[in-house]
Amino acid sequence: MSGQSFIGAGVPPSAILSDGLVTLPLYAVSTVTLSQSYHLPPLASSGLRTAVGTHDDTLSLSGLLVGPERFRQKFELELLAESSRRGSVVEGLTGGAAGGLVLITSMTVRTDLQVQSLSFTSSAARRDVLDVSMTLVHMPRPGITGRLLEVASLGVRALADFGGR
């Protein structure tokens, strides 16, 4: 190992995952998949609907942890996975209005995420690399706060895209 970073200076991360205290930029994310499954109403149901979620969102990320900092990043991902289950700093700061993890990618900005699965793979062919795969489940809070956060994140992404031109 040369001791040099595998990440070039000034390169933005592919994804950022945070619980409000631990923030981990992920630079070598190869895929981000957003799956949405929608709940269909029963046939011949009335026009009145209960205030429940209409769909479930699942995000899958695959990527690499590279270089000498890969073990620290692995440990931080494990901390974030545990934090998503126990309650995060965001939850304490917002009085329970928002919680879980926050994920920022070029595709989406999501709050209220919990880690469903996290796996690491190592191979002799690539000694300075850990492959990582994780599945995050969106667990929105009931009420208007979740929708307001989604609209706000959409506005932030639109401004970032507009400003980058």
C-alpha atoms as a PDB file:
ATOM      1  CA  MET A   1       0.000   0.000   0.000  1.00  0.00           C
ATOM      2  CA  SER A   2       1.279   3.422  -0.883  1.00  0.00           C
ATOM      3  CA  GLY A   3      -0.676   5.265   1.829  1.00  0.00           C
ATOM      4  CA  GLN A   4      -2.219   7.615  -0.729  1.00  0.00           C
ATOM      5  CA  SER A   5      -5.932   8.186  -0.944  1.00  0.00           C
ATOM      6  CA  PHE A   6      -7.878   6.462  -3.696  1.00  0.00           C
ATOM      7  CA  ILE A   7     -10.268   9.439  -3.806  1.00  0.00           C
ATOM      8  CA  GLY A   8      -9.278  12.529  -5.762  1.00  0.00           C
ATOM      9  CA  ALA A   9      -9.495  15.929  -4.064  1.00  0.00           C
ATOM     10  CA  GLY A  10     -12.620  17.892  -4.890  1.00  0.00           C
ATOM     11  CA  VAL A  11     -14.626  14.865  -6.040  1.00  0.00           C
ATOM     12  CA  PRO A  12     -18.161  14.925  -4.600  1.00  0.00           C
ATOM     13  CA  PRO A  13     -19.391  11.718  -2.944  1.00  0.00           C
ATOM     14  CA  SER A  14     -21.884   9.488  -4.766  1.00  0.00           C
ATOM     15  CA  ALA A  15     -24.024   9.274  -1.635  1.00  0.00           C
ATOM     16  CA  ILE A  16     -24.099  10.676   1.883  1.00  0.00           C
ATOM     17  CA  LEU A  17     -25.614   8.699   4.754  1.00  0.00           C
ATOM     18  CA  SER A  18     -26.137  10.301   8.158  1.00  0.00           C
ATOM     19  CA  ASP A  19     -27.957   9.906  11.449  1.00  0.00           C
ATOM     20  CA  GLY A  20     -27.322  13.527  12.439  1.00  0.00           C
ATOM     21  CA  LEU A  21     -24.159  12.703  14.391  1.00  0.00           C
ATOM     22  CA  VAL A  22     -22.231  10.254  12.206  1.00  0.00           C
ATOM     23  CA  THR A  23     -22.070  11.380   8.580  1.00  0.00           C
ATOM     24  CA  LEU A  24     -20.477   9.064   6.053  1.00  0.00           C
ATOM     25  CA  PRO A  25     -19.724  10.168   2.480  1.00  0.00           C
ATOM     26  CA  LEU A  26     -19.680   7.185   0.110  1.00  0.00           C
ATOM     27  CA  TYR A  27     -17.539   7.829  -2.959  1.00  0.00           C
ATOM     28  CA  ALA A  28     -17.539   4.564  -4.922  1.00  0.00           C
ATOM     29  CA  VAL A  29     -21.252   3.757  -5.161  1.00  0.00           C
ATOM     30  CA  SER A  30     -21.831   1.742  -8.328  1.00  0.00           C
ATOM     31  CA  THR A  31     -25.627   1.382  -8.165  1.00  0.00           C
ATOM     32  CA  VAL A  32     -28.554   2.965  -6.378  1.00  0.00           C
ATOM     33  CA  THR A  33     -31.939   1.322  -6.835  1.00  0.00           C
ATOM     34  CA  LEU A  34     -35.209   2.814  -5.626  1.00  0.00           C
ATOM     35  CA  SER A  35     -38.087   0.317  -5.535  1.00  0.00           C
ATOM     36  CA  GLN A  36     -41.611   1.461  -4.799  1.00  0.00           C
ATOM     37  CA  SER A  37     -44.459  -0.955  -4.233  1.00  0.00           C
ATOM     38  CA  TYR A  38     -47.924   0.548  -4.259  1.00  0.00           C
ATOM     39  CA  HIS A  39     -50.877  -0.670  -2.243  1.00  0.00           C
ATOM     40  CA  LEU A  40     -53.951  -1.144  -4.395  1.00  0.00           C
ATOM     41  CA  PRO A  41     -57.360  -0.444  -2.880  1.00  0.00           C
ATOM     42  CA  PRO A  42     -59.830  -3.338  -2.671  1.00  0.00           C
ATOM     43  CA  LEU A  43     -62.277  -3.652  -5.534  1.00  0.00           C
ATOM     44  CA  ALA A  44     -65.554  -1.763  -5.067  1.00  0.00           C
ATOM     45  CA  SER A  45     -64.186   0.187  -2.131  1.00  0.00           C
ATOM     46  CA  SER A  46     -65.733   3.503  -1.214  1.00  0.00           C
ATOM     47  CA  GLY A  47     -64.236   6.845  -2.136  1.00  0.00           C
ATOM     48  CA  LEU A  48     -63.178   7.380   1.461  1.00  0.00           C
ATOM     49  CA  ARG A  49     -59.660   6.265   2.274  1.00  0.00           C
ATOM     50  CA  THR A  50     -57.891   6.010   5.584  1.00  0.00           C
ATOM     51  CA  ALA A  51     -54.762   8.060   6.146  1.00  0.00           C
ATOM     52  CA  VAL A  52     -52.217   5.301   5.631  1.00  0.00           C
ATOM     53  CA  GLY A  53     -49.218   5.100   3.355  1.00  0.00           C
ATOM     54  CA  THR A  54     -49.964   4.327  -0.258  1.00  0.00           C
ATOM     55  CA  HIS A  55     -46.593   2.804  -1.051  1.00  0.00           C
ATOM     56  CA  ASP A  56     -43.447   1.271   0.428  1.00  0.00           C
ATOM     57  CA  ASP A  57     -40.017   2.508  -0.651  1.00  0.00           C
ATOM     58  CA  THR A  58     -36.853   0.421  -0.561  1.00  0.00           C
ATOM     59  CA  LEU A  59     -33.421   1.721  -1.550  1.00  0.00           C
ATOM     60  CA  SER A  60     -30.530  -0.588  -2.410  1.00  0.00           C
ATOM     61  CA  LEU A  61     -26.943   0.638  -2.679  1.00  0.00           C
ATOM     62  CA  SER A  62     -23.915  -1.274  -3.924  1.00  0.00           C
ATOM     63  CA  GLY A  63     -20.433   0.073  -3.898  1.00  0.00           C
ATOM     64  CA  LEU A  64     -16.885  -0.134  -2.689  1.00  0.00           C
ATOM     65  CA  LEU A  65     -15.027   0.917   0.410  1.00  0.00           C
ATOM     66  CA  VAL A  66     -11.504   1.570  -0.825  1.00  0.00           C
ATOM     67  CA  GLY A  67      -8.105   2.272   0.621  1.00  0.00           C
ATOM     68  CA  PRO A  68      -6.849   2.402   4.178  1.00  0.00           C
ATOM     69  CA  GLU A  69     -10.022   4.098   5.465  1.00  0.00           C
ATOM     70  CA  ARG A  70     -12.249   1.138   4.415  1.00  0.00           C
ATOM     71  CA  PHE A  71     -12.294  -0.427   7.892  1.00  0.00           C
ATOM     72  CA  ARG A  72     -13.289   2.866   9.542  1.00  0.00           C
ATOM     73  CA  GLN A  73     -16.057   3.262   6.936  1.00  0.00           C
ATOM     74  CA  LYS A  74     -17.237  -0.310   7.555  1.00  0.00           C
ATOM     75  CA  PHE A  75     -17.432   0.402  11.290  1.00  0.00           C
ATOM     76  CA  GLU A  76     -19.344   3.660  10.660  1.00  0.00           C
ATOM     77  CA  LEU A  77     -21.838   1.867   8.385  1.00  0.00           C
ATOM     78  CA  GLU A  78     -22.439  -0.673  11.150  1.00  0.00           C
ATOM     79  CA  LEU A  79     -22.967   2.179  13.648  1.00  0.00           C
ATOM     80  CA  LEU A  80     -25.433   3.851  11.291  1.00  0.00           C
ATOM     81  CA  ALA A  81     -27.328   0.577  10.832  1.00  0.00           C
ATOM     82  CA  GLU A  82     -27.707   0.228  14.601  1.00  0.00           C
ATOM     83  CA  SER A  83     -28.589   3.909  14.993  1.00  0.00           C
ATOM     84  CA  SER A  84     -31.385   3.584  12.429  1.00  0.00           C
ATOM     85  CA  ARG A  85     -33.048   0.988  14.672  1.00  0.00           C
ATOM     86  CA  ARG A  86     -32.448   2.599  18.074  1.00  0.00           C
ATOM     87  CA  GLY A  87     -33.317   6.158  17.186  1.00  0.00           C
ATOM     88  CA  SER A  88     -31.123   8.866  15.780  1.00  0.00           C
ATOM     89  CA  VAL A  89     -29.952  12.313  16.753  1.00  0.00           C
ATOM     90  CA  VAL A  90     -32.385  13.725  14.161  1.00  0.00           C
ATOM     91  CA  GLU A  91     -35.266  12.150  16.082  1.00  0.00           C
ATOM     92  CA  GLY A  92     -34.177  13.830  19.304  1.00  0.00           C
ATOM     93  CA  LEU A  93     -33.675  17.208  17.645  1.00  0.00           C
ATOM     94  CA  THR A  94     -37.074  17.200  15.924  1.00  0.00           C
ATOM     95  CA  GLY A  95     -39.007  15.842  18.895  1.00  0.00           C
ATOM     96  CA  GLY A  96     -39.858  12.661  17.012  1.00  0.00           C
ATOM     97  CA  ALA A  97     -41.166  14.441  13.899  1.00  0.00           C
ATOM     98  CA  ALA A  98     -38.343  12.925  11.809  1.00  0.00           C
ATOM     99  CA  GLY A  99     -35.957  10.128  12.574  1.00  0.00           C
ATOM    100  CA  GLY A 100     -33.896   7.310  11.196  1.00  0.00           C
ATOM    101  CA  LEU A 101     -31.181   7.943   8.671  1.00  0.00           C
ATOM    102  CA  VAL A 102     -30.889  10.589   5.983  1.00  0.00           C
ATOM    103  CA  LEU A 103     -29.634   9.541   2.534  1.00  0.00           C
ATOM    104  CA  ILE A 104     -28.575  12.036  -0.108  1.00  0.00           C
ATOM    105  CA  THR A 105     -27.881  10.795  -3.644  1.00  0.00           C
ATOM    106  CA  SER A 106     -28.247  12.231  -7.130  1.00  0.00           C
ATOM    107  CA  MET A 107     -31.533  10.297  -7.431  1.00  0.00           C
ATOM    108  CA  THR A 108     -33.222  11.113  -4.155  1.00  0.00           C
ATOM    109  CA  VAL A 109     -32.998  12.679  -0.732  1.00  0.00           C
ATOM    110  CA  ARG A 110     -34.744  10.560   1.897  1.00  0.00           C
ATOM    111  CA  THR A 111     -35.238  10.839   5.615  1.00  0.00           C
ATOM    112  CA  ASP A 112     -36.718   8.279   8.008  1.00  0.00           C
ATOM    113  CA  LEU A 113     -34.680   5.372   6.639  1.00  0.00           C
ATOM    114  CA  GLN A 114     -33.828   2.169   8.488  1.00  0.00           C
ATOM    115  CA  VAL A 115     -31.180  -0.324   7.437  1.00  0.00           C
ATOM    116  CA  GLN A 116     -32.787  -3.633   6.557  1.00  0.00           C
ATOM    117  CA  SER A 117     -29.608  -5.441   5.486  1.00  0.00           C
ATOM    118  CA  LEU A 118     -25.911  -4.687   5.278  1.00  0.00           C
ATOM    119  CA  SER A 119     -23.282  -6.996   3.810  1.00  0.00           C
ATOM    120  CA  PHE A 120     -19.557  -6.786   3.140  1.00  0.00           C
ATOM    121  CA  THR A 121     -17.478  -8.939   0.803  1.00  0.00           C
ATOM    122  CA  SER A 122     -13.718  -9.212   0.579  1.00  0.00           C
ATOM    123  CA  SER A 123     -11.669 -11.014  -2.048  1.00  0.00           C
ATOM    124  CA  ALA A 124      -8.013 -11.860  -2.533  1.00  0.00           C
ATOM    125  CA  ALA A 125      -8.118 -10.292  -5.998  1.00  0.00           C
ATOM    126  CA  ARG A 126      -8.737  -6.826  -4.509  1.00  0.00           C
ATOM    127  CA  ARG A 127      -6.990  -6.528  -1.161  1.00  0.00           C
ATOM    128  CA  ASP A 128      -7.580  -2.810  -0.582  1.00  0.00           C
ATOM    129  CA  VAL A 129     -11.315  -3.025  -1.308  1.00  0.00           C
ATOM    130  CA  LEU A 130     -14.440  -4.109   0.553  1.00  0.00           C
ATOM    131  CA  ASP A 131     -17.601  -4.576  -1.494  1.00  0.00           C
ATOM    132  CA  VAL A 132     -20.633  -3.284   0.370  1.00  0.00           C
ATOM    133  CA  SER A 133     -24.336  -3.804  -0.269  1.00  0.00           C
ATOM    134  CA  MET A 134     -27.126  -2.361   1.815  1.00  0.00           C
ATOM    135  CA  THR A 135     -30.873  -2.182   1.712  1.00  0.00           C
ATOM    136  CA  LEU A 136     -32.656   0.744   3.333  1.00  0.00           C
ATOM    137  CA  VAL A 137     -36.391   0.881   3.995  1.00  0.00           C
ATOM    138  CA  HIS A 138     -38.262   4.188   4.098  1.00  0.00           C
ATOM    139  CA  MET A 139     -40.327   4.325   7.289  1.00  0.00           C
ATOM    140  CA  PRO A 140     -42.160   7.683   7.032  1.00  0.00           C
ATOM    141  CA  ARG A 141     -43.818   9.164  10.054  1.00  0.00           C
ATOM    142  CA  PRO A 142     -47.570   9.644   9.928  1.00  0.00           C
ATOM    143  CA  GLY A 143     -48.651  13.208   9.338  1.00  0.00           C
ATOM    144  CA  ILE A 144     -47.653  16.131   7.218  1.00  0.00           C
ATOM    145  CA  THR A 145     -44.009  16.398   8.377  1.00  0.00           C
ATOM    146  CA  GLY A 146     -42.796  13.580   6.112  1.00  0.00           C
ATOM    147  CA  ARG A 147     -44.442  15.145   3.068  1.00  0.00           C
ATOM    148  CA  LEU A 148     -43.007  18.574   3.891  1.00  0.00           C
ATOM    149  CA  LEU A 149     -39.503  17.071   4.151  1.00  0.00           C
ATOM    150  CA  GLU A 150     -39.948  15.362   0.772  1.00  0.00           C
ATOM    151  CA  VAL A 151     -41.069  18.608  -0.879  1.00  0.00           C
ATOM    152  CA  ALA A 152     -38.202  20.517   0.750  1.00  0.00           C
ATOM    153  CA  SER A 153     -35.663  17.951  -0.453  1.00  0.00           C
ATOM    154  CA  LEU A 154     -37.102  18.195  -3.969  1.00  0.00           C
ATOM    155  CA  GLY A 155     -36.637  21.965  -3.843  1.00  0.00           C
ATOM    156  CA  VAL A 156     -33.050  21.634  -2.618  1.00  0.00           C
ATOM    157  CA  ARG A 157     -32.220  19.143  -5.397  1.00  0.00           C
ATOM    158  CA  ALA A 158     -33.793  21.410  -8.026  1.00  0.00           C
ATOM    159  CA  LEU A 159     -31.743  24.370  -6.778  1.00  0.00           C
ATOM    160  CA  ALA A 160     -28.563  22.278  -6.759  1.00  0.00           C
ATOM    161  CA  ASP A 161     -29.214  21.115 -10.332  1.00  0.00           C
ATOM    162  CA  PHE A 162     -30.037  24.642 -11.464  1.00  0.00           C
ATOM    163  CA  GLY A 163     -26.968  26.106  -9.735  1.00  0.00           C
ATOM    164  CA  GLY A 164     -24.664  23.515 -11.312  1.00  0.00           C
ATOM    165  CA  ARG A 165     -25.435  24.670 -14.867  1.00  0.00           C
END
